[in-house]
Amino acid sequence: MEILLLLLQASTTWFMTGLIWFVQVVHYPLYDRIGLAQFQVYERDHCALTTLVVAPMMVAELLSGVMLLVARPKAVGSAEVILGLVLLAVIWLSTLFIADSLHGALASSFQVGPYRALIAWNWLRTVAWSLRALLVAYMCYRCMQ
């Protein structure tokens, strides 16, 4: 059971890490090329469709991370699990209170300020997920020893 939890944790974290890098490097930088007439519809659809992909993975990542507190492989230390949860807290809080707010500001029309802030603040989530990916890789490595 513990190994399955770790595998769920690894797969969801690595999926989200790849996705956040794509969003940071490709998707968000192209926002300013959509055109003002189409932007409102694009942003609304982007948020709705992205939620369909991201929400189940984020919830699975969070639940498996919390479950690892009580059912972790013997080779994985509790400090590693707690650090992973701290990084998840950074990700979730910045998503709920920063990214969602900036997407809300962009929902009515393209605005340079919120657009630039979205790209800048998204680095926080990109770095946090990247650190989680490395941490989970380390946990998997420890289990293979």
Protein backbone atom coordinates (compact mmCIF):
# COMPACT_ATOMS: atom_id res chain seq x y z
CA MET A 1 0.00 0.00 0.00
CA GLU A 2 2.77 2.45 0.92
CA ILE A 3 4.58 1.93 -2.37
CA LEU A 4 1.34 2.46 -4.32
CA LEU A 5 0.79 5.74 -2.47
CA LEU A 6 4.30 6.84 -3.32
CA LEU A 7 3.76 5.89 -6.97
CA LEU A 8 0.53 7.91 -7.03
CA GLN A 9 2.37 10.79 -5.41
CA ALA A 10 5.19 10.54 -7.95
CA SER A 11 2.95 10.27 -11.00
CA THR A 12 0.72 13.19 -10.03
CA THR A 13 3.66 15.38 -9.00
CA TRP A 14 5.61 14.66 -12.16
CA PHE A 15 2.52 15.23 -14.32
CA MET A 16 1.88 18.59 -12.65
CA THR A 17 5.55 19.56 -12.86
CA GLY A 18 5.59 18.96 -16.61
CA LEU A 19 2.32 20.80 -17.02
CA ILE A 20 3.39 23.84 -14.99
CA TRP A 21 6.61 24.14 -17.01
CA PHE A 22 4.58 24.03 -20.24
CA VAL A 23 2.23 26.69 -18.90
CA GLN A 24 5.10 28.88 -17.68
CA VAL A 25 7.30 28.65 -20.78
CA VAL A 26 4.74 28.28 -23.59
CA HIS A 27 1.13 28.89 -22.62
CA TYR A 28 1.15 32.07 -20.50
CA PRO A 29 3.73 33.89 -22.65
CA LEU A 30 1.39 33.49 -25.64
CA TYR A 31 -1.55 35.16 -23.87
CA ASP A 32 -0.64 38.58 -25.26
CA ARG A 33 -0.96 37.26 -28.82
CA ILE A 34 -4.58 36.13 -28.61
CA GLY A 35 -6.15 39.44 -29.57
CA LEU A 36 -8.39 41.69 -27.53
CA ALA A 37 -11.62 40.67 -29.31
CA GLN A 38 -11.16 36.96 -28.53
CA PHE A 39 -9.40 37.21 -25.18
CA GLN A 40 -12.41 37.17 -22.84
CA VAL A 41 -13.82 33.97 -24.38
CA TYR A 42 -10.35 32.42 -24.55
CA GLU A 43 -9.62 33.16 -20.89
CA ARG A 44 -13.00 31.79 -19.76
CA ASP A 45 -12.52 28.60 -21.77
CA HIS A 46 -8.89 28.28 -20.67
CA CYS A 47 -9.90 28.38 -17.00
CA ALA A 48 -12.77 25.91 -17.42
CA LEU A 49 -10.83 23.40 -19.51
CA THR A 50 -7.65 23.67 -17.46
CA THR A 51 -9.65 22.94 -14.31
CA LEU A 52 -10.89 19.69 -15.86
CA VAL A 53 -7.29 18.53 -16.30
CA VAL A 54 -5.62 20.08 -13.27
CA ALA A 55 -8.15 19.68 -10.43
CA PRO A 56 -8.25 15.85 -10.31
CA MET A 57 -4.46 15.65 -10.45
CA MET A 58 -3.96 18.30 -7.76
CA VAL A 59 -6.51 16.61 -5.48
CA ALA A 60 -4.91 13.18 -6.02
CA GLU A 61 -1.48 14.68 -5.34
CA LEU A 62 -2.71 16.32 -2.14
CA LEU A 63 -4.57 13.26 -0.86
CA SER A 64 -1.69 10.90 -1.57
CA GLY A 65 0.70 13.36 0.08
CA VAL A 66 -1.41 13.52 3.23
CA MET A 67 -1.89 9.75 3.26
CA LEU A 68 1.89 9.30 3.10
CA LEU A 69 2.04 10.83 6.58
CA VAL A 70 0.40 7.73 8.03
CA ALA A 71 1.35 5.11 5.44
CA ARG A 72 4.81 5.86 4.12
CA PRO A 73 7.42 3.41 2.91
CA LYS A 74 10.01 2.62 5.57
CA ALA A 75 12.78 4.11 3.43
CA VAL A 76 11.01 7.49 3.33
CA GLY A 77 11.46 9.79 6.29
CA SER A 78 8.65 11.79 7.83
CA ALA A 79 10.64 15.00 7.25
CA GLU A 80 10.57 14.35 3.50
CA VAL A 81 6.81 13.86 3.54
CA ILE A 82 6.29 17.00 5.62
CA LEU A 83 8.53 19.04 3.31
CA GLY A 84 6.47 17.76 0.38
CA LEU A 85 3.29 18.89 2.13
CA VAL A 86 4.78 22.32 2.83
CA LEU A 87 5.54 22.67 -0.88
CA LEU A 88 1.98 21.56 -1.66
CA ALA A 89 0.68 24.24 0.71
CA VAL A 90 2.71 26.85 -1.18
CA ILE A 91 1.29 25.55 -4.47
CA TRP A 92 -2.32 25.40 -3.32
CA LEU A 93 -2.28 28.75 -1.53
CA SER A 94 -0.61 30.55 -4.42
CA THR A 95 -3.07 28.93 -6.82
CA LEU A 96 -6.14 29.85 -4.78
CA PHE A 97 -5.10 33.34 -3.68
CA ILE A 98 -2.79 34.58 -6.43
CA ALA A 99 -3.25 32.73 -9.72
CA ASP A 100 -7.04 32.49 -9.44
CA SER A 101 -7.24 36.18 -8.52
CA LEU A 102 -5.12 37.18 -11.52
CA HIS A 103 -7.19 34.98 -13.83
CA GLY A 104 -10.25 36.70 -12.37
CA ALA A 105 -8.76 40.09 -13.26
CA LEU A 106 -8.14 38.85 -16.80
CA ALA A 107 -11.65 37.38 -17.16
CA SER A 108 -13.19 40.65 -18.32
CA SER A 109 -10.41 41.67 -20.72
CA PHE A 110 -6.69 41.41 -21.38
CA GLN A 111 -4.77 43.73 -19.07
CA VAL A 112 -1.00 44.06 -19.12
CA GLY A 113 -0.58 44.37 -15.33
CA PRO A 114 -2.39 41.18 -14.30
CA TYR A 115 -0.89 39.36 -17.31
CA ARG A 116 2.68 40.20 -16.28
CA ALA A 117 1.89 39.44 -12.64
CA LEU A 118 0.48 36.05 -13.63
CA ILE A 119 3.71 35.12 -15.41
CA ALA A 120 5.88 36.43 -12.56
CA TRP A 121 3.89 34.82 -9.74
CA ASN A 122 3.56 31.53 -11.60
CA TRP A 123 7.31 31.05 -11.10
CA LEU A 124 6.50 30.36 -7.43
CA ARG A 125 4.35 27.37 -8.39
CA THR A 126 6.83 26.28 -11.08
CA VAL A 127 9.71 26.23 -8.59
CA ALA A 128 7.61 24.57 -5.85
CA TRP A 129 6.46 21.78 -8.18
CA SER A 130 9.99 21.33 -9.50
CA LEU A 131 11.29 20.94 -5.95
CA ARG A 132 8.50 18.45 -5.25
CA ALA A 133 9.45 16.48 -8.37
CA LEU A 134 13.03 16.23 -7.13
CA LEU A 135 11.89 15.34 -3.61
CA VAL A 136 9.56 12.60 -4.85
CA ALA A 137 12.30 11.27 -7.12
CA TYR A 138 14.55 11.10 -4.06
CA MET A 139 11.85 9.22 -2.13
CA CYS A 140 11.50 6.72 -4.99
CA TYR A 141 15.28 6.31 -5.14
CA ARG A 142 15.38 5.62 -1.39
CA CYS A 143 12.73 2.93 -1.82
CA MET A 144 14.75 1.23 -4.56
CA GLN A 145 17.85 0.98 -2.34
